[in-house]
C-alpha atoms as a PDB file:
ATOM      1  CA  UNK A   1     149.769 112.134 104.904  1.00  0.00           C
ATOM      2  CA  UNK A   2     147.035 112.854 107.417  1.00  0.00           C
ATOM      3  CA  UNK A   3     144.744 109.507 108.873  1.00  0.00           C
ATOM      4  CA  UNK A   4     141.400 110.114 110.024  1.00  0.00           C
ATOM      5  CA  UNK A   5     142.146 108.877 113.625  1.00  0.00           C
ATOM      6  CA  UNK A   6     145.065 111.274 113.950  1.00  0.00           C
ATOM      7  CA  UNK A   7     144.309 114.986 115.270  1.00  0.00           C
ATOM      8  CA  UNK A   8     143.180 117.377 112.755  1.00  0.00           C
ATOM      9  CA  UNK A   9     145.727 119.915 111.290  1.00  0.00           C
ATOM     10  CA  UNK A  10     143.667 122.843 112.167  1.00  0.00           C
ATOM     11  CA  UNK A  11     143.641 122.281 115.964  1.00  0.00           C
ATOM     12  CA  UNK A  12     139.791 121.913 115.877  1.00  0.00           C
ATOM     13  CA  UNK A  13     138.670 119.141 118.258  1.00  0.00           C
ATOM     14  CA  UNK A  14     136.388 116.175 116.992  1.00  0.00           C
ATOM     15  CA  UNK A  15     133.644 117.598 119.812  1.00  0.00           C
ATOM     16  CA  UNK A  16     133.222 120.857 118.367  1.00  0.00           C
ATOM     17  CA  UNK A  17     132.566 119.553 115.002  1.00  0.00           C
ATOM     18  CA  UNK A  18     130.279 116.862 115.810  1.00  0.00           C
ATOM     19  CA  UNK A  19     126.713 117.245 115.095  1.00  0.00           C
ATOM     20  CA  UNK A  20     124.120 116.682 117.715  1.00  0.00           C
ATOM     21  CA  UNK A  21     122.075 113.298 117.669  1.00  0.00           C
ATOM     22  CA  UNK A  22     119.112 113.753 115.129  1.00  0.00           C
ATOM     23  CA  UNK A  23     115.610 113.534 116.673  1.00  0.00           C
ATOM     24  CA  UNK A  24     113.060 111.717 115.190  1.00  0.00           C
ATOM     25  CA  UNK A  25     110.744 112.973 112.534  1.00  0.00           C
ATOM     26  CA  UNK A  26     107.639 112.091 114.768  1.00  0.00           C
ATOM     27  CA  UNK A  27     107.336 111.797 118.435  1.00  0.00           C
ATOM     28  CA  UNK A  28     105.017 108.970 117.909  1.00  0.00           C
ATOM     29  CA  UNK A  29     106.848 105.731 117.139  1.00  0.00           C
ATOM     30  CA  UNK A  30     104.752 103.129 115.340  1.00  0.00           C
ATOM     31  CA  UNK A  31     104.373  99.689 117.184  1.00  0.00           C
ATOM     32  CA  UNK A  32     107.274  97.402 116.173  1.00  0.00           C
ATOM     33  CA  UNK A  33     105.439  94.009 116.197  1.00  0.00           C
ATOM     34  CA  UNK A  34     102.524  92.222 114.606  1.00  0.00           C
ATOM     35  CA  UNK A  35     101.393  91.634 118.226  1.00  0.00           C
ATOM     36  CA  UNK A  36     101.399  95.264 119.385  1.00  0.00           C
ATOM     37  CA  UNK A  37      99.570  96.209 116.041  1.00  0.00           C
ATOM     38  CA  UNK A  38      96.869  93.648 116.682  1.00  0.00           C
ATOM     39  CA  UNK A  39      95.859  95.231 119.893  1.00  0.00           C
ATOM     40  CA  UNK A  40      95.032  98.625 118.107  1.00  0.00           C
ATOM     41  CA  UNK A  41      91.266  98.943 116.630  1.00  0.00           C
ATOM     42  CA  UNK A  42      92.401 101.007 113.754  1.00  0.00           C
ATOM     43  CA  UNK A  43      95.371 100.705 111.477  1.00  0.00           C
ATOM     44  CA  UNK A  44      96.994 103.217 109.386  1.00  0.00           C
ATOM     45  CA  UNK A  45      98.036 102.413 105.959  1.00  0.00           C
ATOM     46  CA  UNK A  46     101.695 101.785 106.380  1.00  0.00           C
ATOM     47  CA  UNK A  47     100.563  99.706 109.459  1.00  0.00           C
ATOM     48  CA  UNK A  48      98.043  97.859 107.533  1.00  0.00           C
ATOM     49  CA  UNK A  49     100.437  97.154 104.819  1.00  0.00           C
ATOM     50  CA  UNK A  50     103.150  96.057 107.200  1.00  0.00           C
ATOM     51  CA  UNK A  51     100.518  93.279 108.482  1.00  0.00           C
ATOM     52  CA  UNK A  52      99.717  92.172 105.020  1.00  0.00           C
ATOM     53  CA  UNK A  53     103.505  91.887 103.914  1.00  0.00           C
ATOM     54  CA  UNK A  54     102.785  93.937 101.005  1.00  0.00           C
ATOM     55  CA  UNK A  55     104.285  97.633 100.066  1.00  0.00           C
ATOM     56  CA  UNK A  56     102.007 100.728 100.847  1.00  0.00           C
ATOM     57  CA  UNK A  57     101.667 101.081  96.927  1.00  0.00           C
ATOM     58  CA  UNK A  58     100.094  97.609  96.616  1.00  0.00           C
ATOM     59  CA  UNK A  59      97.549  98.327  99.393  1.00  0.00           C
ATOM     60  CA  UNK A  60      96.669 101.578  97.790  1.00  0.00           C
ATOM     61  CA  UNK A  61      96.067  99.557  94.593  1.00  0.00           C
ATOM     62  CA  UNK A  62      93.714  97.137  96.374  1.00  0.00           C
ATOM     63  CA  UNK A  63      91.846  99.781  97.810  1.00  0.00           C
ATOM     64  CA  UNK A  64      91.607 101.272  94.353  1.00  0.00           C
ATOM     65  CA  UNK A  65      90.450  97.825  92.867  1.00  0.00           C
ATOM     66  CA  UNK A  66      86.447  97.587  93.356  1.00  0.00           C
ATOM     67  CA  UNK A  67      87.147  93.627  92.484  1.00  0.00           C
ATOM     68  CA  UNK A  68      89.578  93.177  95.467  1.00  0.00           C
ATOM     69  CA  UNK A  69      86.501  93.775  97.863  1.00  0.00           C
ATOM     70  CA  UNK A  70      88.924  95.184 100.131  1.00  0.00           C
ATOM     71  CA  UNK A  71      87.306  96.967 103.189  1.00  0.00           C
ATOM     72  CA  UNK A  72      86.592 100.785 102.607  1.00  0.00           C
ATOM     73  CA  UNK A  73      89.029 102.594 105.047  1.00  0.00           C
ATOM     74  CA  UNK A  74      87.597 105.319 107.484  1.00  0.00           C
ATOM     75  CA  UNK A  75      88.954 108.987 106.924  1.00  0.00           C
ATOM     76  CA  UNK A  76      89.571 111.188 110.143  1.00  0.00           C
ATOM     77  CA  UNK A  77      90.668 114.451 108.954  1.00  0.00           C
ATOM     78  CA  UNK A  78      93.655 113.850 106.390  1.00  0.00           C
ATOM     79  CA  UNK A  79      94.236 110.231 107.852  1.00  0.00           C
ATOM     80  CA  UNK A  80      93.278 107.013 106.552  1.00  0.00           C
ATOM     81  CA  UNK A  81      92.246 104.253 109.094  1.00  0.00           C
ATOM     82  CA  UNK A  82      91.229 100.739 108.338  1.00  0.00           C
ATOM     83  CA  UNK A  83      89.146  98.863 110.906  1.00  0.00           C
ATOM     84  CA  UNK A  84      91.141  95.774 112.423  1.00  0.00           C
ATOM     85  CA  UNK A  85      88.200  93.307 112.305  1.00  0.00           C
ATOM     86  CA  UNK A  86      87.114  94.162 108.543  1.00  0.00           C
ATOM     87  CA  UNK A  87      91.041  93.632 107.399  1.00  0.00           C
ATOM     88  CA  UNK A  88      90.919  90.439 109.355  1.00  0.00           C
ATOM     89  CA  UNK A  89      87.616  89.342 108.087  1.00  0.00           C
ATOM     90  CA  UNK A  90      88.668  90.452 104.353  1.00  0.00           C
ATOM     91  CA  UNK A  91      91.490  87.732 105.026  1.00  0.00           C
ATOM     92  CA  UNK A  92      89.430  84.940 106.469  1.00  0.00           C
ATOM     93  CA  UNK A  93      90.921  85.287 109.737  1.00  0.00           C
ATOM     94  CA  UNK A  94      88.808  85.326 112.970  1.00  0.00           C
ATOM     95  CA  UNK A  95      89.090  88.237 115.418  1.00  0.00           C
ATOM     96  CA  UNK A  96      92.296  88.081 117.194  1.00  0.00           C
ATOM     97  CA  UNK A  97      92.274  86.721 120.630  1.00  0.00           C
ATOM     98  CA  UNK A  98      93.957  88.818 123.484  1.00  0.00           C
ATOM     99  CA  UNK A  99      97.177  87.297 124.400  1.00  0.00           C
ATOM    100  CA  UNK A 100      97.173  85.192 127.961  1.00  0.00           C
ATOM    101  CA  UNK A 101      98.799  87.157 130.837  1.00  0.00           C
END
């Protein structure tokens, strides 16, 4: 019985059967930390949801509900962006101070 670590019975090497490493779906990567995001003036819907600790769907519900008084997004082409200062003001937070260097 063949074990996965044993040589293949058809003689093909693992190098010829392995697939290349997948490339990222988008060349642009999102900032990975909250501190990086706080430096940006505009946030996308996924970035805003990440910072608010809610799902994207919950954020879209907040956008659609006039009773939530959530800030209106900026629409640039097909992108939906939120102004950082408006979102933070909605949360009752002051404008973030730059980190000390």
